[in-house]
Amino acid sequence: MSLPPQAALPFNTDSTLGALLVGGLVAAAFWGVTCAQTLIYFQHSSSDRLSLKLFVGRSRPLIFASVLDTFDSCLTSHILYWYFVKNYFNPSAIASPVWSVLIHVAITSLTDVLIRAMYARRVYQLSGHSILLTAVVVAISLLDLICGFMITVKAFKLGSFAELNTISGLMYTNFAAGFSGDLFVAVVLCYYLWRSRTGFRGTDTLVKSLVSYIITTGLLTAVDASLGMIFYIVMPNNFVFIAFYFNLAKMYINSYLALLNAREGLRENSEGGVSVHLSDLSHLPFSVSNEQSSPTLSAPMDKGFGYRMTALRLLLTVLIGRATMNTNTLQCCKSIKVVSE
């Protein structure tokens, strides 16, 4: 006995249910990456006990962001379950937003602001305590947060996705704030890191590595936000833009964790200091002072002589906000000064 032919669905499943499914699967993969990166961070961030890392210092906002990301994944799972299982025989349900879709917007904005606040702290430190640059990051972040919560509140009063055009201005502003905030933070951090180059091959190579991490991770989040906005403008009547929005918060937290873990890897590789031959400095005159005696040396120096540089550790301390200068570092800072005319 053959089944009767089913009527065609009144909407394009590829750009609606298909977009939700793909976005949800990618978001689930990102959540797995978040868990892995968080574990790596707490295993390698310092020698402190795990209980100390969990409840003190700068780890607390990172833990809160990870909890938000997990809750965000639960919301995404509920969205998929609602449309694919609960309303399998009710295609018209796709026209109305379920509550988890609306809460997802607020959680995404909250996560974005939390991660960007940690970036704002780095901007403040690297820029020489520039209040103006930090204020710009904070202002953009607050705009993102306010728009996200306003979208959630207003959307609860809407009856269908088609009515989102009544709050399209908030949608545009929310996407634009995310894009511009990511781009601004990446540009500022890269600018001040690039200015901190010393001219030494060892330290400059590591500075370039940090810059490349910031550019790569910052551009990924900015591209995701911009694509979400573009697809919402071009195709507001399907769910392609929601697929990008599903992954926005997860890309934020993963970009920050990637930078932290990259920092830890670079620090471990430079624990003994970076060897720099004085032949690299043959174009600069310099003097070496000692607490007990003060001999003066002038370039060019013996090209076979080298010493251990600690400038990279100081740079990473400023970038990450960690004061981990050991006795050797302090002694080296006291005993070695490189000066130019």
C-alpha atoms as a PDB file:
ATOM      1  CA  MET A   1       0.000   0.000   0.000  1.00  0.00           C
ATOM      2  CA  SER A   2       1.543   3.247  -1.106  1.00  0.00           C
ATOM      3  CA  LEU A   3       1.414   6.427   0.927  1.00  0.00           C
ATOM      4  CA  PRO A   4      -0.464   9.401  -0.506  1.00  0.00           C
ATOM      5  CA  PRO A   5       1.753  12.115  -1.953  1.00  0.00           C
ATOM      6  CA  GLN A   6       2.524  14.896   0.488  1.00  0.00           C
ATOM      7  CA  ALA A   7       1.805  18.484  -0.377  1.00  0.00           C
ATOM      8  CA  ALA A   8       4.796  20.703  -1.003  1.00  0.00           C
ATOM      9  CA  LEU A   9       5.839  22.855   1.931  1.00  0.00           C
ATOM     10  CA  PRO A  10       4.887  26.532   1.574  1.00  0.00           C
ATOM     11  CA  PHE A  11       8.488  27.698   2.064  1.00  0.00           C
ATOM     12  CA  ASN A  12      12.008  26.970   0.870  1.00  0.00           C
ATOM     13  CA  THR A  13      13.452  24.434   3.298  1.00  0.00           C
ATOM     14  CA  ASP A  14      17.053  25.032   2.173  1.00  0.00           C
ATOM     15  CA  SER A  15      17.126  28.657   3.307  1.00  0.00           C
ATOM     16  CA  THR A  16      15.007  28.119   6.436  1.00  0.00           C
ATOM     17  CA  LEU A  17      15.247  24.717   8.124  1.00  0.00           C
ATOM     18  CA  GLY A  18      18.445  23.918   6.242  1.00  0.00           C
ATOM     19  CA  ALA A  19      20.104  27.139   7.389  1.00  0.00           C
ATOM     20  CA  LEU A  20      19.071  26.485  10.996  1.00  0.00           C
ATOM     21  CA  LEU A  21      20.455  22.945  10.855  1.00  0.00           C
ATOM     22  CA  VAL A  22      23.812  23.933   9.363  1.00  0.00           C
ATOM     23  CA  GLY A  23      24.198  26.869  11.742  1.00  0.00           C
ATOM     24  CA  GLY A  24      23.327  24.669  14.719  1.00  0.00           C
ATOM     25  CA  LEU A  25      25.810  21.955  13.736  1.00  0.00           C
ATOM     26  CA  VAL A  26      28.612  24.484  13.290  1.00  0.00           C
ATOM     27  CA  ALA A  27      27.709  26.054  16.643  1.00  0.00           C
ATOM     28  CA  ALA A  28      27.928  22.631  18.308  1.00  0.00           C
ATOM     29  CA  ALA A  29      31.393  22.145  16.827  1.00  0.00           C
ATOM     30  CA  PHE A  30      32.465  25.570  18.097  1.00  0.00           C
ATOM     31  CA  TRP A  31      31.228  24.685  21.581  1.00  0.00           C
ATOM     32  CA  GLY A  32      33.475  21.632  21.524  1.00  0.00           C
ATOM     33  CA  VAL A  33      36.411  23.827  20.537  1.00  0.00           C
ATOM     34  CA  THR A  34      35.548  26.209  23.385  1.00  0.00           C
ATOM     35  CA  CYS A  35      35.646  23.350  25.897  1.00  0.00           C
ATOM     36  CA  ALA A  36      38.986  22.130  24.555  1.00  0.00           C
ATOM     37  CA  GLN A  37      40.549  25.594  24.566  1.00  0.00           C
ATOM     38  CA  THR A  38      39.276  26.327  28.073  1.00  0.00           C
ATOM     39  CA  LEU A  39      40.800  23.072  29.327  1.00  0.00           C
ATOM     40  CA  ILE A  40      44.115  23.892  27.650  1.00  0.00           C
ATOM     41  CA  TYR A  41      44.101  27.369  29.171  1.00  0.00           C
ATOM     42  CA  PHE A  42      43.554  26.160  32.734  1.00  0.00           C
ATOM     43  CA  GLN A  43      46.160  23.431  32.318  1.00  0.00           C
ATOM     44  CA  HIS A  44      48.887  25.753  31.093  1.00  0.00           C
ATOM     45  CA  SER A  45      48.036  29.258  32.315  1.00  0.00           C
ATOM     46  CA  SER A  46      50.033  29.027  35.550  1.00  0.00           C
ATOM     47  CA  SER A  47      51.207  26.686  38.268  1.00  0.00           C
ATOM     48  CA  ASP A  48      48.396  27.705  40.633  1.00  0.00           C
ATOM     49  CA  ARG A  49      45.938  25.126  41.902  1.00  0.00           C
ATOM     50  CA  LEU A  50      42.796  24.652  39.828  1.00  0.00           C
ATOM     51  CA  SER A  51      40.564  25.899  42.659  1.00  0.00           C
ATOM     52  CA  LEU A  52      42.567  29.119  42.799  1.00  0.00           C
ATOM     53  CA  LYS A  53      42.282  29.632  39.048  1.00  0.00           C
ATOM     54  CA  LEU A  54      38.525  29.099  39.134  1.00  0.00           C
ATOM     55  CA  PHE A  55      37.616  31.666  41.754  1.00  0.00           C
ATOM     56  CA  VAL A  56      40.196  34.458  41.736  1.00  0.00           C
ATOM     57  CA  GLY A  57      41.820  36.840  39.322  1.00  0.00           C
ATOM     58  CA  ARG A  58      41.015  37.394  35.687  1.00  0.00           C
ATOM     59  CA  SER A  59      39.813  33.802  35.242  1.00  0.00           C
ATOM     60  CA  ARG A  60      36.385  34.633  36.643  1.00  0.00           C
ATOM     61  CA  PRO A  61      35.051  36.571  33.610  1.00  0.00           C
ATOM     62  CA  LEU A  62      36.456  33.867  31.347  1.00  0.00           C
ATOM     63  CA  ILE A  63      34.616  31.194  33.324  1.00  0.00           C
ATOM     64  CA  PHE A  64      31.423  33.249  33.173  1.00  0.00           C
ATOM     65  CA  ALA A  65      31.829  33.582  29.397  1.00  0.00           C
ATOM     66  CA  SER A  66      32.264  29.812  29.096  1.00  0.00           C
ATOM     67  CA  VAL A  67      29.100  29.242  31.144  1.00  0.00           C
ATOM     68  CA  LEU A  68      27.221  31.675  28.892  1.00  0.00           C
ATOM     69  CA  ASP A  69      28.539  29.836  25.844  1.00  0.00           C
ATOM     70  CA  THR A  70      27.258  26.540  27.248  1.00  0.00           C
ATOM     71  CA  PHE A  71      23.850  28.092  27.919  1.00  0.00           C
ATOM     72  CA  ASP A  72      23.914  29.495  24.391  1.00  0.00           C
ATOM     73  CA  SER A  73      24.476  25.962  23.076  1.00  0.00           C
ATOM     74  CA  CYS A  74      21.496  24.736  25.091  1.00  0.00           C
ATOM     75  CA  LEU A  75      19.341  27.438  23.496  1.00  0.00           C
ATOM     76  CA  THR A  76      20.530  26.424  20.031  1.00  0.00           C
ATOM     77  CA  SER A  77      19.683  22.788  20.781  1.00  0.00           C
ATOM     78  CA  HIS A  78      16.200  23.796  21.913  1.00  0.00           C
ATOM     79  CA  ILE A  79      15.669  25.809  18.719  1.00  0.00           C
ATOM     80  CA  LEU A  80      16.558  22.813  16.563  1.00  0.00           C
ATOM     81  CA  TYR A  81      14.434  20.456  18.652  1.00  0.00           C
ATOM     82  CA  TRP A  82      11.448  22.817  18.486  1.00  0.00           C
ATOM     83  CA  TYR A  83      11.395  23.187  14.709  1.00  0.00           C
ATOM     84  CA  PHE A  84      12.669  19.736  13.654  1.00  0.00           C
ATOM     85  CA  VAL A  85      11.021  17.450  16.233  1.00  0.00           C
ATOM     86  CA  LYS A  86       8.311  19.157  18.230  1.00  0.00           C
ATOM     87  CA  ASN A  87       6.698  20.732  15.171  1.00  0.00           C
ATOM     88  CA  TYR A  88       7.610  18.120  12.580  1.00  0.00           C
ATOM     89  CA  PHE A  89       3.980  17.882  11.429  1.00  0.00           C
ATOM     90  CA  ASN A  90       3.343  21.600  11.839  1.00  0.00           C
ATOM     91  CA  PRO A  91       5.236  23.435   9.068  1.00  0.00           C
ATOM     92  CA  SER A  92       3.504  26.722   9.878  1.00  0.00           C
ATOM     93  CA  ALA A  93       5.467  26.865  13.168  1.00  0.00           C
ATOM     94  CA  ILE A  94       8.487  28.017  11.174  1.00  0.00           C
ATOM     95  CA  ALA A  95       6.802  31.399  10.718  1.00  0.00           C
ATOM     96  CA  SER A  96       6.904  32.250  14.429  1.00  0.00           C
ATOM     97  CA  PRO A  97      10.038  32.662  16.587  1.00  0.00           C
ATOM     98  CA  VAL A  98      10.275  30.349  19.575  1.00  0.00           C
ATOM     99  CA  TRP A  99      11.329  31.940  22.876  1.00  0.00           C
ATOM    100  CA  SER A 100      14.832  30.419  22.748  1.00  0.00           C
ATOM    101  CA  VAL A 101      15.572  32.299  19.510  1.00  0.00           C
ATOM    102  CA  LEU A 102      14.811  35.599  21.217  1.00  0.00           C
ATOM    103  CA  ILE A 103      16.776  34.819  24.389  1.00  0.00           C
ATOM    104  CA  HIS A 104      19.669  33.754  22.171  1.00  0.00           C
ATOM    105  CA  VAL A 105      20.027  37.345  20.926  1.00  0.00           C
ATOM    106  CA  ALA A 106      20.448  38.738  24.454  1.00  0.00           C
ATOM    107  CA  ILE A 107      22.905  36.002  25.466  1.00  0.00           C
ATOM    108  CA  THR A 108      24.980  36.620  22.344  1.00  0.00           C
ATOM    109  CA  SER A 109      25.198  40.354  23.066  1.00  0.00           C
ATOM    110  CA  LEU A 110      26.102  39.696  26.703  1.00  0.00           C
ATOM    111  CA  THR A 111      28.876  37.287  25.723  1.00  0.00           C
ATOM    112  CA  ASP A 112      30.204  39.689  23.101  1.00  0.00           C
ATOM    113  CA  VAL A 113      30.370  42.546  25.593  1.00  0.00           C
ATOM    114  CA  LEU A 114      32.081  40.392  28.217  1.00  0.00           C
ATOM    115  CA  ILE A 115      34.815  39.271  25.825  1.00  0.00           C
ATOM    116  CA  ARG A 116      35.226  42.757  24.389  1.00  0.00           C
ATOM    117  CA  ALA A 117      35.591  44.151  27.921  1.00  0.00           C
ATOM    118  CA  MET A 118      38.609  41.888  28.427  1.00  0.00           C
ATOM    119  CA  TYR A 119      39.998  43.151  25.131  1.00  0.00           C
ATOM    120  CA  ALA A 120      39.341  46.733  26.300  1.00  0.00           C
ATOM    121  CA  ARG A 121      41.604  46.080  29.273  1.00  0.00           C
ATOM    122  CA  ARG A 122      44.397  45.064  26.905  1.00  0.00           C
ATOM    123  CA  VAL A 123      43.794  48.173  24.807  1.00  0.00           C
ATOM    124  CA  TYR A 124      44.033  50.319  27.942  1.00  0.00           C
ATOM    125  CA  GLN A 125      47.347  48.743  28.938  1.00  0.00           C
ATOM    126  CA  LEU A 126      49.010  48.665  25.523  1.00  0.00           C
ATOM    127  CA  SER A 127      47.936  52.204  24.569  1.00  0.00           C
ATOM    128  CA  GLY A 128      49.615  53.731  27.597  1.00  0.00           C
ATOM    129  CA  HIS A 129      46.340  54.030  29.544  1.00  0.00           C
ATOM    130  CA  SER A 130      44.537  55.870  26.771  1.00  0.00           C
ATOM    131  CA  ILE A 131      41.094  56.725  28.126  1.00  0.00           C
ATOM    132  CA  LEU A 132      39.841  57.787  24.690  1.00  0.00           C
ATOM    133  CA  LEU A 133      40.582  54.494  22.934  1.00  0.00           C
ATOM    134  CA  THR A 134      39.249  52.474  25.844  1.00  0.00           C
ATOM    135  CA  ALA A 135      36.098  54.605  25.951  1.00  0.00           C
ATOM    136  CA  VAL A 136      35.461  53.917  22.261  1.00  0.00           C
ATOM    137  CA  VAL A 137      35.610  50.161  22.855  1.00  0.00           C
ATOM    138  CA  VAL A 138      33.340  50.447  25.904  1.00  0.00           C
ATOM    139  CA  ALA A 139      30.834  52.664  24.055  1.00  0.00           C
ATOM    140  CA  ILE A 140      30.571  50.272  21.107  1.00  0.00           C
ATOM    141  CA  SER A 141      30.189  47.333  23.491  1.00  0.00           C
ATOM    142  CA  LEU A 142      27.410  49.038  25.456  1.00  0.00           C
ATOM    143  CA  LEU A 143      25.624  49.890  22.206  1.00  0.00           C
ATOM    144  CA  ASP A 144      25.840  46.217  21.213  1.00  0.00           C
ATOM    145  CA  LEU A 145      24.460  45.124  24.593  1.00  0.00           C
ATOM    146  CA  ILE A 146      21.594  47.639  24.632  1.00  0.00           C
ATOM    147  CA  CYS A 147      20.521  46.751  21.090  1.00  0.00           C
ATOM    148  CA  GLY A 148      20.628  43.032  21.861  1.00  0.00           C
ATOM    149  CA  PHE A 149      18.398  43.348  24.908  1.00  0.00           C
ATOM    150  CA  MET A 150      16.012  45.735  23.144  1.00  0.00           C
ATOM    151  CA  ILE A 151      15.657  43.279  20.245  1.00  0.00           C
ATOM    152  CA  THR A 152      14.829  40.491  22.697  1.00  0.00           C
ATOM    153  CA  VAL A 153      12.233  42.555  24.576  1.00  0.00           C
ATOM    154  CA  LYS A 154      10.543  43.933  21.454  1.00  0.00           C
ATOM    155  CA  ALA A 155      10.607  40.606  19.586  1.00  0.00           C
ATOM    156  CA  PHE A 156       8.567  38.934  22.338  1.00  0.00           C
ATOM    157  CA  LYS A 157       5.715  41.214  21.304  1.00  0.00           C
ATOM    158  CA  LEU A 158       5.923  40.140  17.657  1.00  0.00           C
ATOM    159  CA  GLY A 159       3.827  37.351  16.236  1.00  0.00           C
ATOM    160  CA  SER A 160       6.045  36.209  13.368  1.00  0.00           C
ATOM    161  CA  PHE A 161       9.488  36.519  11.809  1.00  0.00           C
ATOM    162  CA  ALA A 162       7.952  38.690   9.086  1.00  0.00           C
ATOM    163  CA  GLU A 163       7.355  41.397  11.683  1.00  0.00           C
ATOM    164  CA  LEU A 164      11.077  41.714  12.391  1.00  0.00           C
ATOM    165  CA  ASN A 165      11.137  44.486   9.799  1.00  0.00           C
ATOM    166  CA  THR A 166       9.525  46.705  12.449  1.00  0.00           C
ATOM    167  CA  ILE A 167      12.746  46.525  14.477  1.00  0.00           C
ATOM    168  CA  SER A 168      15.150  46.304  11.536  1.00  0.00           C
ATOM    169  CA  GLY A 169      16.947  49.442  12.723  1.00  0.00           C
ATOM    170  CA  LEU A 170      17.941  47.705  15.948  1.00  0.00           C
ATOM    171  CA  MET A 171      19.021  44.634  13.984  1.00  0.00           C
ATOM    172  CA  TYR A 172      21.263  46.705  11.716  1.00  0.00           C
ATOM    173  CA  THR A 173      22.772  48.558  14.679  1.00  0.00           C
ATOM    174  CA  ASN A 174      23.423  45.329  16.571  1.00  0.00           C
ATOM    175  CA  PHE A 175      25.276  43.738  13.662  1.00  0.00           C
ATOM    176  CA  ALA A 176      27.159  46.969  12.885  1.00  0.00           C
ATOM    177  CA  ALA A 177      28.263  47.408  16.505  1.00  0.00           C
ATOM    178  CA  GLY A 178      29.653  43.885  16.579  1.00  0.00           C
ATOM    179  CA  PHE A 179      31.518  44.339  13.307  1.00  0.00           C
ATOM    180  CA  SER A 180      32.952  47.779  14.105  1.00  0.00           C
ATOM    181  CA  GLY A 181      33.904  46.787  17.661  1.00  0.00           C
ATOM    182  CA  ASP A 182      35.879  43.757  16.517  1.00  0.00           C
ATOM    183  CA  LEU A 183      37.609  45.689  13.769  1.00  0.00           C
ATOM    184  CA  PHE A 184      38.517  48.590  16.070  1.00  0.00           C
ATOM    185  CA  VAL A 185      39.970  46.344  18.781  1.00  0.00           C
ATOM    186  CA  ALA A 186      42.020  44.356  16.258  1.00  0.00           C
ATOM    187  CA  VAL A 187      43.429  47.499  14.622  1.00  0.00           C
ATOM    188  CA  VAL A 188      44.362  49.155  17.938  1.00  0.00           C
ATOM    189  CA  LEU A 189      46.021  46.055  19.396  1.00  0.00           C
ATOM    190  CA  CYS A 190      47.970  45.393  16.202  1.00  0.00           C
ATOM    191  CA  TYR A 191      49.084  49.037  15.981  1.00  0.00           C
ATOM    192  CA  TYR A 192      50.498  49.194  19.496  1.00  0.00           C
ATOM    193  CA  LEU A 193      52.047  45.749  19.298  1.00  0.00           C
ATOM    194  CA  TRP A 194      53.726  46.701  16.034  1.00  0.00           C
ATOM    195  CA  ARG A 195      55.067  49.877  17.634  1.00  0.00           C
ATOM    196  CA  SER A 196      56.587  47.808  20.439  1.00  0.00           C
ATOM    197  CA  ARG A 197      59.053  46.109  18.091  1.00  0.00           C
ATOM    198  CA  THR A 198      62.603  46.305  19.408  1.00  0.00           C
ATOM    199  CA  GLY A 199      64.591  45.634  16.250  1.00  0.00           C
ATOM    200  CA  PHE A 200      65.780  42.280  17.601  1.00  0.00           C
ATOM    201  CA  ARG A 201      64.989  39.358  15.351  1.00  0.00           C
ATOM    202  CA  GLY A 202      63.904  37.074  18.183  1.00  0.00           C
ATOM    203  CA  THR A 203      61.474  39.435  19.877  1.00  0.00           C
ATOM    204  CA  ASP A 204      60.159  40.876  16.613  1.00  0.00           C
ATOM    205  CA  THR A 205      59.316  37.396  15.345  1.00  0.00           C
ATOM    206  CA  LEU A 206      57.189  36.753  18.425  1.00  0.00           C
ATOM    207  CA  VAL A 207      55.528  40.150  18.169  1.00  0.00           C
ATOM    208  CA  LYS A 208      54.615  39.329  14.573  1.00  0.00           C
ATOM    209  CA  SER A 209      53.157  36.012  15.744  1.00  0.00           C
ATOM    210  CA  LEU A 210      50.896  37.803  18.225  1.00  0.00           C
ATOM    211  CA  VAL A 211      49.829  40.310  15.576  1.00  0.00           C
ATOM    212  CA  SER A 212      48.947  37.513  13.165  1.00  0.00           C
ATOM    213  CA  TYR A 213      46.833  35.797  15.838  1.00  0.00           C
ATOM    214  CA  ILE A 214      44.953  39.033  16.561  1.00  0.00           C
ATOM    215  CA  ILE A 215      44.353  39.772  12.882  1.00  0.00           C
ATOM    216  CA  THR A 216      43.168  36.240  12.120  1.00  0.00           C
ATOM    217  CA  THR A 217      40.818  35.862  15.084  1.00  0.00           C
ATOM    218  CA  GLY A 218      39.573  39.455  14.936  1.00  0.00           C
ATOM    219  CA  LEU A 219      38.788  39.240  11.248  1.00  0.00           C
ATOM    220  CA  LEU A 220      36.880  35.973  11.681  1.00  0.00           C
ATOM    221  CA  THR A 221      34.442  37.502  14.148  1.00  0.00           C
ATOM    222  CA  ALA A 222      34.139  40.701  12.120  1.00  0.00           C
ATOM    223  CA  VAL A 223      33.447  38.737   8.929  1.00  0.00           C
ATOM    224  CA  ASP A 224      30.810  36.619  10.677  1.00  0.00           C
ATOM    225  CA  ALA A 225      29.007  39.727  11.986  1.00  0.00           C
ATOM    226  CA  SER A 226      29.203  41.485   8.618  1.00  0.00           C
ATOM    227  CA  LEU A 227      27.891  38.431   6.731  1.00  0.00           C
ATOM    228  CA  GLY A 228      25.000  38.145   9.163  1.00  0.00           C
ATOM    229  CA  MET A 229      24.096  41.776   8.534  1.00  0.00           C
ATOM    230  CA  ILE A 230      24.457  41.442   4.754  1.00  0.00           C
ATOM    231  CA  PHE A 231      22.229  38.369   4.568  1.00  0.00           C
ATOM    232  CA  TYR A 232      19.634  40.022   6.794  1.00  0.00           C
ATOM    233  CA  ILE A 233      19.553  43.048   4.477  1.00  0.00           C
ATOM    234  CA  VAL A 234      19.473  40.992   1.271  1.00  0.00           C
ATOM    235  CA  MET A 235      17.304  38.064   2.441  1.00  0.00           C
ATOM    236  CA  PRO A 236      15.290  39.132   5.508  1.00  0.00           C
ATOM    237  CA  ASN A 237      12.594  36.498   4.905  1.00  0.00           C
ATOM    238  CA  ASN A 238      14.746  33.410   5.486  1.00  0.00           C
ATOM    239  CA  PHE A 239      17.040  32.126   8.233  1.00  0.00           C
ATOM    240  CA  VAL A 240      20.477  32.377   6.629  1.00  0.00           C
ATOM    241  CA  PHE A 241      21.370  35.382   8.804  1.00  0.00           C
ATOM    242  CA  ILE A 242      20.336  33.406  11.911  1.00  0.00           C
ATOM    243  CA  ALA A 243      22.842  30.689  11.012  1.00  0.00           C
ATOM    244  CA  PHE A 244      25.640  33.271  11.202  1.00  0.00           C
ATOM    245  CA  TYR A 245      24.217  34.750  14.397  1.00  0.00           C
ATOM    246  CA  PHE A 246      24.232  31.298  16.028  1.00  0.00           C
ATOM    247  CA  ASN A 247      28.042  31.284  15.873  1.00  0.00           C
ATOM    248  CA  LEU A 248      28.860  34.909  16.649  1.00  0.00           C
ATOM    249  CA  ALA A 249      29.266  34.571  20.429  1.00  0.00           C
ATOM    250  CA  LYS A 250      31.177  31.307  20.031  1.00  0.00           C
ATOM    251  CA  MET A 251      33.642  32.925  17.653  1.00  0.00           C
ATOM    252  CA  TYR A 252      34.168  35.748  20.159  1.00  0.00           C
ATOM    253  CA  ILE A 253      35.101  33.491  23.042  1.00  0.00           C
ATOM    254  CA  ASN A 254      37.182  31.162  20.860  1.00  0.00           C
ATOM    255  CA  SER A 255      39.136  34.081  19.411  1.00  0.00           C
ATOM    256  CA  TYR A 256      40.014  35.288  22.904  1.00  0.00           C
ATOM    257  CA  LEU A 257      40.923  31.815  24.128  1.00  0.00           C
ATOM    258  CA  ALA A 258      43.077  31.274  21.036  1.00  0.00           C
ATOM    259  CA  LEU A 259      45.009  34.453  21.830  1.00  0.00           C
ATOM    260  CA  LEU A 260      45.486  33.443  25.476  1.00  0.00           C
ATOM    261  CA  ASN A 261      46.665  29.948  24.575  1.00  0.00           C
ATOM    262  CA  ALA A 262      48.954  31.305  21.862  1.00  0.00           C
ATOM    263  CA  ARG A 263      50.421  33.634  24.468  1.00  0.00           C
ATOM    264  CA  GLU A 264      51.069  30.710  26.787  1.00  0.00           C
ATOM    265  CA  GLY A 265      52.772  28.774  24.005  1.00  0.00           C
ATOM    266  CA  LEU A 266      54.996  31.702  23.108  1.00  0.00           C
ATOM    267  CA  ARG A 267      55.842  32.265  26.769  1.00  0.00           C
ATOM    268  CA  GLU A 268      56.832  28.616  27.227  1.00  0.00           C
ATOM    269  CA  ASN A 269      59.052  28.796  24.153  1.00  0.00           C
ATOM    270  CA  SER A 270      60.802  31.864  25.555  1.00  0.00           C
ATOM    271  CA  GLU A 271      61.072  30.870  29.233  1.00  0.00           C
ATOM    272  CA  GLY A 272      64.846  30.987  29.137  1.00  0.00           C
ATOM    273  CA  GLY A 273      64.888  34.246  27.274  1.00  0.00           C
ATOM    274  CA  VAL A 274      65.499  34.904  23.602  1.00  0.00           C
ATOM    275  CA  SER A 275      69.119  34.725  22.456  1.00  0.00           C
ATOM    276  CA  VAL A 276      70.106  37.801  20.494  1.00  0.00           C
ATOM    277  CA  HIS A 277      73.617  38.305  19.155  1.00  0.00           C
ATOM    278  CA  LEU A 278      75.019  41.779  19.504  1.00  0.00           C
ATOM    279  CA  SER A 279      75.804  41.663  15.804  1.00  0.00           C
ATOM    280  CA  ASP A 280      72.096  42.430  15.361  1.00  0.00           C
ATOM    281  CA  LEU A 281      72.754  45.713  17.171  1.00  0.00           C
ATOM    282  CA  SER A 282      75.927  46.683  15.346  1.00  0.00           C
ATOM    283  CA  HIS A 283      74.211  49.750  13.928  1.00  0.00           C
ATOM    284  CA  LEU A 284      73.376  51.095  17.425  1.00  0.00           C
ATOM    285  CA  PRO A 285      75.736  52.395  20.137  1.00  0.00           C
ATOM    286  CA  PHE A 286      74.865  51.203  23.611  1.00  0.00           C
ATOM    287  CA  SER A 287      76.115  51.096  27.170  1.00  0.00           C
ATOM    288  CA  VAL A 288      75.963  48.370  29.806  1.00  0.00           C
ATOM    289  CA  SER A 289      75.721  49.415  33.449  1.00  0.00           C
ATOM    290  CA  ASN A 290      76.354  47.231  36.503  1.00  0.00           C
ATOM    291  CA  GLU A 291      75.392  47.858  40.112  1.00  0.00           C
ATOM    292  CA  GLN A 292      78.987  47.277  41.296  1.00  0.00           C
ATOM    293  CA  SER A 293      80.902  48.642  38.338  1.00  0.00           C
ATOM    294  CA  SER A 294      79.925  50.665  35.310  1.00  0.00           C
ATOM    295  CA  PRO A 295      81.941  49.689  32.276  1.00  0.00           C
ATOM    296  CA  THR A 296      80.856  51.283  29.009  1.00  0.00           C
ATOM    297  CA  LEU A 297      80.794  49.297  25.795  1.00  0.00           C
ATOM    298  CA  SER A 298      80.415  50.760  22.330  1.00  0.00           C
ATOM    299  CA  ALA A 299      79.201  49.128  19.118  1.00  0.00           C
ATOM    300  CA  PRO A 300      80.310  47.309  17.113  1.00  0.00           C
ATOM    301  CA  MET A 301      80.803  44.462  19.610  1.00  0.00           C
ATOM    302  CA  ASP A 302      82.332  41.017  19.381  1.00  0.00           C
ATOM    303  CA  LYS A 303      79.956  39.162  17.088  1.00  0.00           C
ATOM    304  CA  GLY A 304      80.453  35.889  18.950  1.00  0.00           C
ATOM    305  CA  PHE A 305      79.114  37.321  22.219  1.00  0.00           C
ATOM    306  CA  GLY A 306      75.423  37.013  23.048  1.00  0.00           C
ATOM    307  CA  TYR A 307      73.166  37.547  26.019  1.00  0.00           C
ATOM    308  CA  ARG A 308      69.662  36.615  27.073  1.00  0.00           C
ATOM    309  CA  MET A 309      66.896  39.104  26.299  1.00  0.00           C
ATOM    310  CA  THR A 310      63.807  39.412  28.528  1.00  0.00           C
ATOM    311  CA  ALA A 311      61.991  42.099  26.560  1.00  0.00           C
ATOM    312  CA  LEU A 312      59.491  39.561  25.232  1.00  0.00           C
ATOM    313  CA  ARG A 313      58.388  38.575  28.721  1.00  0.00           C
ATOM    314  CA  LEU A 314      57.798  42.214  29.608  1.00  0.00           C
ATOM    315  CA  LEU A 315      55.806  42.722  26.398  1.00  0.00           C
ATOM    316  CA  LEU A 316      53.633  39.676  27.073  1.00  0.00           C
ATOM    317  CA  THR A 317      53.116  40.862  30.650  1.00  0.00           C
ATOM    318  CA  VAL A 318      51.685  44.138  29.352  1.00  0.00           C
ATOM    319  CA  LEU A 319      49.549  42.400  26.733  1.00  0.00           C
ATOM    320  CA  ILE A 320      47.976  39.890  29.090  1.00  0.00           C
ATOM    321  CA  GLY A 321      48.030  41.972  32.253  1.00  0.00           C
ATOM    322  CA  ARG A 322      50.043  39.484  34.254  1.00  0.00           C
ATOM    323  CA  ALA A 323      52.833  40.647  36.556  1.00  0.00           C
ATOM    324  CA  THR A 324      55.089  37.576  36.474  1.00  0.00           C
ATOM    325  CA  MET A 325      58.561  39.059  36.567  1.00  0.00           C
ATOM    326  CA  ASN A 326      60.999  36.715  38.292  1.00  0.00           C
ATOM    327  CA  THR A 327      64.245  37.620  40.053  1.00  0.00           C
ATOM    328  CA  ASN A 328      66.351  37.050  36.930  1.00  0.00           C
ATOM    329  CA  THR A 329      64.099  39.354  34.927  1.00  0.00           C
ATOM    330  CA  LEU A 330      64.354  42.148  37.499  1.00  0.00           C
ATOM    331  CA  GLN A 331      68.125  41.717  37.790  1.00  0.00           C
ATOM    332  CA  CYS A 332      68.518  41.831  34.017  1.00  0.00           C
ATOM    333  CA  CYS A 333      66.432  44.992  33.836  1.00  0.00           C
ATOM    334  CA  LYS A 334      68.683  46.593  36.450  1.00  0.00           C
ATOM    335  CA  SER A 335      71.988  45.504  34.955  1.00  0.00           C
ATOM    336  CA  ILE A 336      71.422  45.934  31.212  1.00  0.00           C
ATOM    337  CA  LYS A 337      70.325  49.139  29.501  1.00  0.00           C
ATOM    338  CA  VAL A 338      70.374  49.653  25.757  1.00  0.00           C
ATOM    339  CA  VAL A 339      70.460  53.329  24.839  1.00  0.00           C
ATOM    340  CA  SER A 340      70.579  55.204  21.571  1.00  0.00           C
ATOM    341  CA  GLU A 341      72.022  58.585  20.792  1.00  0.00           C
END
